[in-house]
C-alpha atoms as a PDB file:
ATOM      1  CA  MET A   1      -8.151  -8.783  17.036  1.00  0.00           C
ATOM      2  CA  PHE A   2      -5.402  -6.410  18.159  1.00  0.00           C
ATOM      3  CA  THR A   3      -4.818  -3.761  20.840  1.00  0.00           C
ATOM      4  CA  GLY A   4      -3.196  -1.016  18.771  1.00  0.00           C
ATOM      5  CA  LEU A   5       0.031  -1.256  20.788  1.00  0.00           C
ATOM      6  CA  VAL A   6       2.829  -1.541  18.229  1.00  0.00           C
ATOM      7  CA  GLU A   7       5.336  -4.251  19.115  1.00  0.00           C
ATOM      8  CA  ASP A   8       7.969  -3.521  16.480  1.00  0.00           C
ATOM      9  CA  VAL A   9       8.709  -1.393  13.451  1.00  0.00           C
ATOM     10  CA  GLY A  10       9.486  -3.781  10.605  1.00  0.00           C
ATOM     11  CA  VAL A  11      11.207  -3.074   7.297  1.00  0.00           C
ATOM     12  CA  VAL A  12       9.891  -3.940   3.845  1.00  0.00           C
ATOM     13  CA  HIS A  13      12.430  -6.446   2.527  1.00  0.00           C
ATOM     14  CA  GLU A  14      10.803  -7.087  -0.856  1.00  0.00           C
ATOM     15  CA  ILE A  15       7.584  -6.454  -2.794  1.00  0.00           C
ATOM     16  CA  VAL A  16       6.620  -8.969  -5.462  1.00  0.00           C
ATOM     17  CA  ASN A  17       3.796  -7.648  -7.653  1.00  0.00           C
ATOM     18  CA  ASN A  18       1.458 -10.034  -9.454  1.00  0.00           C
ATOM     19  CA  ASP A  19      -1.834  -9.931 -11.356  1.00  0.00           C
ATOM     20  CA  VAL A  20      -4.032 -10.019  -8.253  1.00  0.00           C
ATOM     21  CA  GLY A  21      -2.003  -7.926  -5.817  1.00  0.00           C
ATOM     22  CA  ALA A  22       1.404  -8.331  -4.245  1.00  0.00           C
ATOM     23  CA  THR A  23       3.432 -10.397  -1.839  1.00  0.00           C
ATOM     24  CA  LEU A  24       4.920  -8.200   0.876  1.00  0.00           C
ATOM     25  CA  ARG A  25       8.068  -9.556   2.512  1.00  0.00           C
ATOM     26  CA  ILE A  26       8.665  -7.797   5.835  1.00  0.00           C
ATOM     27  CA  GLU A  27      11.644  -8.172   8.132  1.00  0.00           C
ATOM     28  CA  SER A  28      11.297  -8.190  11.914  1.00  0.00           C
ATOM     29  CA  ALA A  29      13.413 -10.409  14.147  1.00  0.00           C
ATOM     30  CA  LEU A  30      11.071  -9.808  17.102  1.00  0.00           C
ATOM     31  CA  ILE A  31       7.793 -10.663  15.366  1.00  0.00           C
ATOM     32  CA  SER A  32       9.124 -13.508  13.197  1.00  0.00           C
ATOM     33  CA  SER A  33      10.581 -15.261  16.252  1.00  0.00           C
ATOM     34  CA  ASP A  34       7.104 -16.028  17.568  1.00  0.00           C
ATOM     35  CA  VAL A  35       4.820 -16.561  14.553  1.00  0.00           C
ATOM     36  CA  LYS A  36       3.772 -19.438  12.372  1.00  0.00           C
ATOM     37  CA  ILE A  37       2.217 -19.698   8.947  1.00  0.00           C
ATOM     38  CA  GLY A  38      -1.445 -18.724   9.143  1.00  0.00           C
ATOM     39  CA  ASP A  39      -1.017 -16.213  11.975  1.00  0.00           C
ATOM     40  CA  SER A  40      -2.593 -12.759  11.658  1.00  0.00           C
ATOM     41  CA  ILE A  41      -0.291  -9.743  11.921  1.00  0.00           C
ATOM     42  CA  CYS A  42      -1.410  -6.116  11.976  1.00  0.00           C
ATOM     43  CA  ILE A  43       0.705  -4.177   9.449  1.00  0.00           C
ATOM     44  CA  ASN A  44       0.117  -0.412   9.607  1.00  0.00           C
ATOM     45  CA  GLY A  45      -3.326  -1.229  10.960  1.00  0.00           C
ATOM     46  CA  CYS A  46      -4.179  -3.786   8.281  1.00  0.00           C
ATOM     47  CA  CYS A  47      -4.660  -7.431   9.281  1.00  0.00           C
ATOM     48  CA  LEU A  48      -2.732  -9.780   6.969  1.00  0.00           C
ATOM     49  CA  THR A  49      -1.911 -13.491   7.159  1.00  0.00           C
ATOM     50  CA  VAL A  50       1.621 -14.905   7.353  1.00  0.00           C
ATOM     51  CA  VAL A  51       2.028 -17.158   4.285  1.00  0.00           C
ATOM     52  CA  ALA A  52       5.768 -17.900   4.594  1.00  0.00           C
ATOM     53  CA  ILE A  53       8.630 -17.366   7.035  1.00  0.00           C
ATOM     54  CA  ASP A  54      12.300 -17.205   6.036  1.00  0.00           C
ATOM     55  CA  ASP A  55      14.475 -16.470   9.080  1.00  0.00           C
ATOM     56  CA  ASP A  56      13.544 -12.894  10.094  1.00  0.00           C
ATOM     57  CA  VAL A  57      11.436 -12.225   6.980  1.00  0.00           C
ATOM     58  CA  MET A  58       7.700 -12.938   6.864  1.00  0.00           C
ATOM     59  CA  SER A  59       5.628 -13.000   3.668  1.00  0.00           C
ATOM     60  CA  PHE A  60       2.080 -11.673   3.352  1.00  0.00           C
ATOM     61  CA  GLU A  61      -0.274 -11.620   0.379  1.00  0.00           C
ATOM     62  CA  ALA A  62      -2.236  -8.418  -0.216  1.00  0.00           C
ATOM     63  CA  GLY A  63      -4.918  -8.239  -2.888  1.00  0.00           C
ATOM     64  CA  THR A  64      -5.599  -5.277  -5.151  1.00  0.00           C
ATOM     65  CA  GLU A  65      -8.514  -4.211  -2.903  1.00  0.00           C
ATOM     66  CA  THR A  66      -6.236  -4.027   0.152  1.00  0.00           C
ATOM     67  CA  LEU A  67      -3.468  -2.257  -1.756  1.00  0.00           C
ATOM     68  CA  SER A  68      -5.853   0.347  -3.193  1.00  0.00           C
ATOM     69  CA  ARG A  69      -7.820   1.051   0.002  1.00  0.00           C
ATOM     70  CA  THR A  70      -4.894   1.284   2.455  1.00  0.00           C
ATOM     71  CA  ASN A  71      -1.447   2.847   2.451  1.00  0.00           C
ATOM     72  CA  LEU A  72       0.117  -0.597   1.941  1.00  0.00           C
ATOM     73  CA  GLY A  73      -0.046   0.040  -1.814  1.00  0.00           C
ATOM     74  CA  GLN A  74       2.380   2.957  -1.333  1.00  0.00           C
ATOM     75  CA  LEU A  75       5.071   0.904   0.374  1.00  0.00           C
ATOM     76  CA  SER A  76       8.473   0.599  -1.244  1.00  0.00           C
ATOM     77  CA  LEU A  77      11.691  -1.237  -0.506  1.00  0.00           C
ATOM     78  CA  SER A  78      13.000  -0.308   2.981  1.00  0.00           C
ATOM     79  CA  SER A  79       9.722   1.352   4.060  1.00  0.00           C
ATOM     80  CA  ASN A  80       9.049   1.081   7.783  1.00  0.00           C
ATOM     81  CA  VAL A  81       5.784  -0.477   8.977  1.00  0.00           C
ATOM     82  CA  ASN A  82       4.120  -0.844  12.381  1.00  0.00           C
ATOM     83  CA  LEU A  83       3.703  -4.480  13.441  1.00  0.00           C
ATOM     84  CA  GLU A  84       1.569  -6.154  16.103  1.00  0.00           C
ATOM     85  CA  ARG A  85       0.791  -9.815  16.675  1.00  0.00           C
ATOM     86  CA  SER A  86      -2.827 -10.755  17.316  1.00  0.00           C
ATOM     87  CA  LEU A  87      -4.270 -10.499  20.809  1.00  0.00           C
ATOM     88  CA  ARG A  88      -4.307 -13.586  23.033  1.00  0.00           C
ATOM     89  CA  PRO A  89      -7.140 -14.020  25.583  1.00  0.00           C
ATOM     90  CA  THR A  90      -4.643 -13.718  28.459  1.00  0.00           C
ATOM     91  CA  ASP A  91      -3.010 -10.477  27.237  1.00  0.00           C
ATOM     92  CA  ARG A  92      -3.486  -7.158  28.989  1.00  0.00           C
ATOM     93  CA  MET A  93      -5.705  -4.750  27.107  1.00  0.00           C
ATOM     94  CA  GLY A  94      -3.521  -1.653  27.058  1.00  0.00           C
ATOM     95  CA  GLY A  95      -4.975   0.015  23.971  1.00  0.00           C
ATOM     96  CA  HIS A  96      -8.446  -0.619  22.547  1.00  0.00           C
ATOM     97  CA  PHE A  97     -10.010  -3.300  20.357  1.00  0.00           C
ATOM     98  CA  VAL A  98      -8.543  -2.941  16.851  1.00  0.00           C
ATOM     99  CA  SER A  99      -9.883  -5.307  14.185  1.00  0.00           C
ATOM    100  CA  GLY A 100      -7.244  -4.634  11.548  1.00  0.00           C
ATOM    101  CA  HIS A 101      -9.954  -3.684   9.028  1.00  0.00           C
ATOM    102  CA  VAL A 102      -9.042  -0.230   7.741  1.00  0.00           C
ATOM    103  CA  ASP A 103     -12.002   2.122   7.276  1.00  0.00           C
ATOM    104  CA  ALA A 104     -10.263   4.705   5.098  1.00  0.00           C
ATOM    105  CA  VAL A 105      -6.993   6.391   4.303  1.00  0.00           C
ATOM    106  CA  GLY A 106      -6.479   9.743   6.022  1.00  0.00           C
ATOM    107  CA  GLU A 107      -3.809  12.372   5.556  1.00  0.00           C
ATOM    108  CA  VAL A 108      -1.510  14.231   7.922  1.00  0.00           C
ATOM    109  CA  ALA A 109      -2.961  17.746   7.711  1.00  0.00           C
ATOM    110  CA  GLU A 110      -0.886  19.423  10.413  1.00  0.00           C
ATOM    111  CA  ARG A 111       2.043  18.533  12.657  1.00  0.00           C
ATOM    112  CA  ASN A 112       3.016  20.708  15.610  1.00  0.00           C
ATOM    113  CA  ASP A 113       6.158  19.559  17.407  1.00  0.00           C
ATOM    114  CA  GLU A 114       6.440  20.724  21.017  1.00  0.00           C
ATOM    115  CA  GLY A 115       9.827  19.577  22.284  1.00  0.00           C
ATOM    116  CA  ASP A 116       9.775  15.779  22.331  1.00  0.00           C
ATOM    117  CA  TRP A 117       5.982  15.745  21.995  1.00  0.00           C
ATOM    118  CA  ALA A 118       3.801  16.409  18.940  1.00  0.00           C
ATOM    119  CA  GLU A 119       0.227  17.277  18.069  1.00  0.00           C
ATOM    120  CA  PHE A 120      -1.047  15.799  14.805  1.00  0.00           C
ATOM    121  CA  TRP A 121      -4.199  16.668  12.857  1.00  0.00           C
ATOM    122  CA  PHE A 122      -5.456  14.086  10.375  1.00  0.00           C
ATOM    123  CA  ALA A 123      -7.892  14.883   7.556  1.00  0.00           C
ATOM    124  CA  VAL A 124     -10.412  12.062   7.053  1.00  0.00           C
ATOM    125  CA  PRO A 125     -13.696  11.436   5.216  1.00  0.00           C
ATOM    126  CA  MET A 126     -16.572  13.104   7.070  1.00  0.00           C
ATOM    127  CA  GLU A 127     -18.407   9.802   7.653  1.00  0.00           C
ATOM    128  CA  LEU A 128     -15.565   8.682   9.926  1.00  0.00           C
ATOM    129  CA  THR A 129     -15.720  11.671  12.273  1.00  0.00           C
ATOM    130  CA  GLN A 130     -19.327  10.728  13.031  1.00  0.00           C
ATOM    131  CA  GLN A 131     -17.838   7.693  14.808  1.00  0.00           C
ATOM    132  CA  MET A 132     -15.369   9.763  16.853  1.00  0.00           C
ATOM    133  CA  ALA A 133     -15.572  11.670  20.111  1.00  0.00           C
ATOM    134  CA  SER A 134     -13.050  13.608  22.152  1.00  0.00           C
ATOM    135  CA  LYS A 135     -11.275  11.245  24.593  1.00  0.00           C
ATOM    136  CA  GLY A 136     -12.422   8.271  22.498  1.00  0.00           C
ATOM    137  CA  SER A 137     -10.121   5.899  20.627  1.00  0.00           C
ATOM    138  CA  VAL A 138      -8.891   5.671  17.046  1.00  0.00           C
ATOM    139  CA  ALA A 139      -6.256   3.542  15.314  1.00  0.00           C
ATOM    140  CA  VAL A 140      -3.838   5.391  13.025  1.00  0.00           C
ATOM    141  CA  ASP A 141      -1.561   3.044  11.074  1.00  0.00           C
ATOM    142  CA  GLY A 142      -2.491   0.428  13.674  1.00  0.00           C
ATOM    143  CA  ILE A 143      -1.569   2.601  16.669  1.00  0.00           C
ATOM    144  CA  SER A 144      -4.175   2.999  19.404  1.00  0.00           C
ATOM    145  CA  LEU A 145      -4.517   6.730  20.095  1.00  0.00           C
ATOM    146  CA  THR A 146      -6.771   8.947  22.182  1.00  0.00           C
ATOM    147  CA  LEU A 147      -8.725  11.574  20.281  1.00  0.00           C
ATOM    148  CA  VAL A 148      -8.132  15.121  21.515  1.00  0.00           C
ATOM    149  CA  ASP A 149     -10.369  17.194  19.261  1.00  0.00           C
ATOM    150  CA  VAL A 150     -12.795  16.155  16.522  1.00  0.00           C
ATOM    151  CA  LYS A 151     -14.029  18.444  13.728  1.00  0.00           C
ATOM    152  CA  SER A 152     -16.312  17.576  10.815  1.00  0.00           C
ATOM    153  CA  ASP A 153     -13.483  16.407   8.540  1.00  0.00           C
ATOM    154  CA  ARG A 154     -10.447  16.048  10.803  1.00  0.00           C
ATOM    155  CA  PHE A 155      -9.258  15.041  14.248  1.00  0.00           C
ATOM    156  CA  SER A 156      -6.240  15.635  16.453  1.00  0.00           C
ATOM    157  CA  VAL A 157      -4.113  13.478  18.735  1.00  0.00           C
ATOM    158  CA  ALA A 158      -1.270  14.282  21.127  1.00  0.00           C
ATOM    159  CA  LEU A 159       1.734  11.998  20.761  1.00  0.00           C
ATOM    160  CA  ILE A 160       4.136  11.239  23.580  1.00  0.00           C
ATOM    161  CA  PRO A 161       7.872  10.779  22.902  1.00  0.00           C
ATOM    162  CA  HIS A 162       7.590   6.971  23.233  1.00  0.00           C
ATOM    163  CA  THR A 163       5.023   6.779  20.416  1.00  0.00           C
ATOM    164  CA  LEU A 164       7.057   9.084  18.176  1.00  0.00           C
ATOM    165  CA  GLU A 165      10.227   7.058  18.748  1.00  0.00           C
ATOM    166  CA  ASN A 166       8.771   3.538  18.562  1.00  0.00           C
ATOM    167  CA  THR A 167       6.256   3.756  15.692  1.00  0.00           C
ATOM    168  CA  THR A 168       6.229   5.157  12.185  1.00  0.00           C
ATOM    169  CA  LEU A 169       4.320   8.278  13.306  1.00  0.00           C
ATOM    170  CA  GLY A 170       7.583   9.973  14.273  1.00  0.00           C
ATOM    171  CA  GLN A 171       8.528   9.931  10.578  1.00  0.00           C
ATOM    172  CA  ARG A 172       5.186  11.166   9.263  1.00  0.00           C
ATOM    173  CA  GLN A 173       4.992  14.615   7.691  1.00  0.00           C
ATOM    174  CA  ILE A 174       2.211  16.802   6.266  1.00  0.00           C
ATOM    175  CA  GLY A 175       0.641  15.113   3.242  1.00  0.00           C
ATOM    176  CA  ASP A 176       1.568  11.561   4.261  1.00  0.00           C
ATOM    177  CA  GLN A 177      -1.265   9.056   4.055  1.00  0.00           C
ATOM    178  CA  VAL A 178      -2.203   6.890   7.036  1.00  0.00           C
ATOM    179  CA  ASN A 179      -4.627   4.023   7.614  1.00  0.00           C
ATOM    180  CA  ILE A 180      -7.578   4.903   9.856  1.00  0.00           C
ATOM    181  CA  GLU A 181      -9.817   2.542  11.814  1.00  0.00           C
ATOM    182  CA  THR A 182     -12.495   3.982  14.059  1.00  0.00           C
ATOM    183  CA  ASP A 183     -13.482   2.329  17.328  1.00  0.00           C
ATOM    184  CA  ILE A 184     -15.526  -0.810  16.663  1.00  0.00           C
ATOM    185  CA  LEU A 185     -17.914   0.084  19.511  1.00  0.00           C
ATOM    186  CA  ALA A 186     -18.683   3.429  17.845  1.00  0.00           C
ATOM    187  CA  LYS A 187     -19.611   1.601  14.644  1.00  0.00           C
ATOM    188  CA  TYR A 188     -22.166  -0.557  16.474  1.00  0.00           C
ATOM    189  CA  VAL A 189     -23.644   2.403  18.344  1.00  0.00           C
ATOM    190  CA  GLN A 190     -23.989   4.361  15.098  1.00  0.00           C
ATOM    191  CA  LYS A 191     -25.627   1.384  13.382  1.00  0.00           C
ATOM    192  CA  GLN A 192     -28.133   0.972  16.230  1.00  0.00           C
ATOM    193  CA  LEU A 193     -29.015   4.662  16.215  1.00  0.00           C
ATOM    194  CA  GLN A 194     -29.572   4.614  12.451  1.00  0.00           C
ATOM    195  CA  GLY A 195     -31.906   1.658  12.870  1.00  0.00           C
ATOM    196  CA  ILE A 196     -34.064   3.577  15.372  1.00  0.00           C
ATOM    197  CA  ARG A 197     -34.946   6.339  12.909  1.00  0.00           C
END
Protein backbone atom coordinates (compact mmCIF):
# COMPACT_ATOMS: atom_id res chain seq x y z
CA MET A 1 0.00 0.00 0.00
CA PHE A 2 1.21 3.49 -0.88
CA THR A 3 0.12 7.12 -0.39
CA GLY A 4 0.71 8.51 -3.88
CA LEU A 5 3.32 10.95 -2.57
CA VAL A 6 6.35 10.52 -4.83
CA GLU A 7 9.60 10.31 -2.87
CA ASP A 8 12.06 10.45 -5.77
CA VAL A 9 12.30 10.47 -9.53
CA GLY A 10 14.50 7.54 -10.50
CA VAL A 11 16.27 6.87 -13.79
CA VAL A 12 16.07 3.68 -15.85
CA HIS A 13 19.63 2.34 -15.77
CA GLU A 14 19.04 -0.78 -17.86
CA ILE A 15 16.24 -2.91 -19.34
CA VAL A 16 16.94 -6.61 -19.85
CA ASN A 17 14.23 -8.24 -21.98
CA ASN A 18 13.51 -11.95 -21.69
CA ASP A 19 10.87 -14.45 -22.81
CA VAL A 20 8.44 -13.69 -19.98
CA GLY A 21 8.92 -9.95 -19.55
CA ALA A 22 11.84 -7.79 -18.53
CA THR A 23 14.13 -6.90 -15.68
CA LEU A 24 14.03 -3.16 -15.02
CA ARG A 25 17.13 -1.73 -13.35
CA ILE A 26 16.33 1.67 -11.82
CA GLU A 27 18.74 4.07 -10.18
CA SER A 28 17.80 6.10 -7.11
CA ALA A 29 20.26 6.83 -4.32
CA LEU A 30 17.43 7.91 -2.00
CA ILE A 31 15.20 4.86 -2.42
CA SER A 32 17.98 2.26 -2.66
CA SER A 33 19.52 3.49 0.60
CA ASP A 34 16.55 2.18 2.58
CA VAL A 35 15.28 -0.95 0.81
CA LYS A 36 15.97 -4.65 0.91
CA ILE A 37 15.28 -7.51 -1.45
CA GLY A 38 11.59 -8.36 -1.36
CA ASP A 39 10.40 -4.82 -0.64
CA SER A 40 7.55 -3.35 -2.71
CA ILE A 41 8.23 -0.12 -4.59
CA CYS A 42 5.65 1.88 -6.53
CA ILE A 43 7.10 2.68 -9.98
CA ASN A 44 4.92 5.07 -11.99
CA GLY A 45 2.00 3.77 -9.95
CA CYS A 46 2.81 0.09 -10.46
CA CYS A 47 3.81 -2.03 -7.45
CA LEU A 48 6.92 -4.11 -8.18
CA THR A 49 9.23 -6.16 -5.96
CA VAL A 50 12.94 -5.43 -5.46
CA VAL A 51 14.80 -8.57 -6.63
CA ALA A 52 18.38 -7.23 -6.46
CA ILE A 53 20.26 -4.17 -5.23
CA ASP A 54 23.61 -3.00 -6.62
CA ASP A 55 24.70 0.24 -4.93
CA ASP A 56 22.15 2.85 -6.10
CA VAL A 57 20.51 0.55 -8.69
CA MET A 58 17.54 -1.67 -7.84
CA SER A 59 16.27 -4.49 -10.07
CA PHE A 60 12.61 -5.35 -10.61
CA GLU A 61 11.01 -8.09 -12.68
CA ALA A 62 7.98 -7.13 -14.77
CA GLY A 63 5.98 -9.76 -16.63
CA THR A 64 4.47 -9.36 -20.09
CA GLU A 65 1.05 -8.63 -18.52
CA THR A 66 2.47 -5.71 -16.51
CA LEU A 67 4.47 -4.38 -19.45
CA SER A 68 1.47 -4.51 -21.80
CA ARG A 69 -1.12 -3.05 -19.40
CA THR A 70 0.96 -0.16 -17.99
CA ASN A 71 3.32 2.44 -19.39
CA LEU A 72 6.29 0.49 -17.98
CA GLY A 73 6.50 -1.33 -21.33
CA GLN A 74 7.30 2.02 -23.00
CA LEU A 75 10.28 2.82 -20.80
CA SER A 76 13.70 3.19 -22.38
CA LEU A 77 17.22 3.80 -21.15
CA SER A 78 17.38 7.04 -19.10
CA SER A 79 13.58 7.34 -18.77
CA ASN A 80 12.47 9.01 -15.55
CA VAL A 81 10.06 7.19 -13.23
CA ASN A 82 8.18 8.18 -10.08
CA LEU A 83 9.22 6.13 -7.03
CA GLU A 84 7.61 5.58 -3.63
CA ARG A 85 8.42 3.08 -0.91
CA SER A 86 5.52 1.19 0.65
CA LEU A 87 3.54 2.75 3.48
CA ARG A 88 4.48 1.93 7.07
CA PRO A 89 1.73 1.85 9.75
CA THR A 90 3.32 4.84 11.52
CA ASP A 91 3.56 7.06 8.41
CA ARG A 92 1.40 10.13 7.92
CA MET A 93 -1.29 9.69 5.31
CA GLY A 94 -0.70 12.74 3.14
CA GLY A 95 -2.19 11.44 -0.10
CA HIS A 96 -4.75 8.63 -0.38
CA PHE A 97 -4.59 4.83 -0.33
CA VAL A 98 -2.86 3.70 -3.53
CA SER A 99 -2.56 -0.06 -4.08
CA GLY A 100 -0.08 0.04 -6.94
CA HIS A 101 -2.46 -1.98 -9.13
CA VAL A 102 -2.94 0.03 -12.31
CA ASP A 103 -6.51 0.04 -13.66
CA ALA A 104 -5.73 1.31 -17.16
CA VAL A 105 -3.44 3.45 -19.23
CA GLY A 106 -4.73 6.96 -19.91
CA GLU A 107 -3.44 9.67 -22.20
CA VAL A 108 -2.61 13.34 -21.73
CA ALA A 109 -5.39 14.96 -23.76
CA GLU A 110 -4.74 18.60 -22.89
CA ARG A 111 -2.14 20.60 -20.98
CA ASN A 112 -2.73 24.23 -20.04
CA ASP A 113 0.25 25.90 -18.37
CA GLU A 114 -0.62 28.91 -16.22
CA GLY A 115 2.66 30.38 -15.00
CA ASP A 116 4.26 27.80 -12.72
CA TRP A 117 0.98 25.89 -12.44
CA ALA A 118 -0.72 23.59 -14.97
CA GLU A 119 -4.11 22.08 -15.68
CA PHE A 120 -4.05 18.61 -17.23
CA TRP A 121 -6.88 16.67 -18.86
CA PHE A 122 -6.45 12.91 -19.14
CA ALA A 123 -8.48 10.72 -21.52
CA VAL A 124 -9.39 7.39 -19.91
CA PRO A 125 -11.71 4.43 -20.55
CA MET A 126 -15.30 5.36 -19.66
CA GLU A 127 -15.58 2.63 -17.00
CA LEU A 128 -12.96 4.46 -14.92
CA THR A 129 -14.80 7.79 -14.79
CA GLN A 130 -17.70 5.97 -13.13
CA GLN A 131 -15.37 5.60 -10.14
CA MET A 132 -14.43 9.30 -10.07
CA ALA A 133 -15.99 12.40 -8.57
CA SER A 134 -14.94 16.03 -8.43
CA LYS A 135 -12.76 16.63 -5.34
CA GLY A 136 -12.12 12.88 -5.10
CA SER A 137 -8.74 11.21 -5.51
CA VAL A 138 -6.95 9.52 -8.40
CA ALA A 139 -3.40 8.24 -8.89
CA VAL A 140 -1.68 9.25 -12.13
CA ASP A 141 1.68 7.53 -12.62
CA GLY A 142 1.56 6.84 -8.88
CA ILE A 143 0.93 10.47 -7.90
CA SER A 144 -2.01 11.17 -5.60
CA LEU A 145 -4.06 13.96 -7.20
CA THR A 146 -7.37 15.68 -6.53
CA LEU A 147 -9.92 15.49 -9.32
CA VAL A 148 -11.15 18.89 -10.51
CA ASP A 149 -13.65 17.99 -13.22
CA VAL A 150 -14.88 14.61 -14.45
CA LYS A 151 -16.50 14.00 -17.85
CA SER A 152 -17.65 10.70 -19.35
CA ASP A 153 -14.25 9.84 -20.86
CA ARG A 154 -11.79 12.26 -19.27
CA PHE A 155 -10.88 14.11 -16.09
CA SER A 156 -8.84 17.14 -15.11
CA VAL A 157 -6.41 17.95 -12.31
CA ALA A 158 -4.65 21.15 -11.27
CA LEU A 159 -0.94 20.72 -10.63
CA ILE A 160 1.04 22.92 -8.27
CA PRO A 161 4.66 23.87 -9.06
CA HIS A 162 6.02 21.35 -6.51
CA THR A 163 4.30 18.44 -8.29
CA LEU A 164 5.48 19.61 -11.71
CA GLU A 165 9.07 19.98 -10.50
CA ASN A 166 9.34 16.82 -8.38
CA THR A 167 7.51 14.18 -10.44
CA THR A 168 7.46 13.09 -14.06
CA LEU A 169 4.23 15.01 -14.74
CA GLY A 170 6.21 18.18 -15.42
CA GLN A 171 7.69 16.43 -18.46
CA ARG A 172 4.42 15.02 -19.78
CA GLN A 173 3.01 16.37 -23.03
CA ILE A 174 -0.16 15.79 -25.07
CA GLY A 175 -0.31 12.18 -26.27
CA ASP A 176 1.89 10.77 -23.49
CA GLN A 177 0.51 7.68 -21.79
CA VAL A 178 0.12 7.52 -18.01
CA ASN A 179 -0.87 4.82 -15.53
CA ILE A 180 -4.24 5.40 -13.86
CA GLU A 181 -5.52 3.94 -10.60
CA THR A 182 -8.90 5.03 -9.29
CA ASP A 183 -9.60 5.36 -5.57
CA ILE A 184 -9.93 1.92 -3.97
CA LEU A 185 -12.91 3.12 -1.90
CA ALA A 186 -14.77 4.09 -5.09
CA LYS A 187 -14.25 0.57 -6.44
CA TYR A 188 -15.88 -0.98 -3.35
CA VAL A 189 -18.79 1.47 -3.40
CA GLN A 190 -19.40 0.76 -7.10
CA LYS A 191 -19.26 -2.99 -6.48
CA GLN A 192 -21.78 -2.74 -3.63
CA LEU A 193 -24.17 -0.63 -5.69
CA GLN A 194 -24.00 -3.10 -8.58
CA GLY A 195 -24.85 -5.91 -6.18
CA ILE A 196 -28.02 -4.11 -5.02
CA ARG A 197 -29.58 -4.05 -8.49
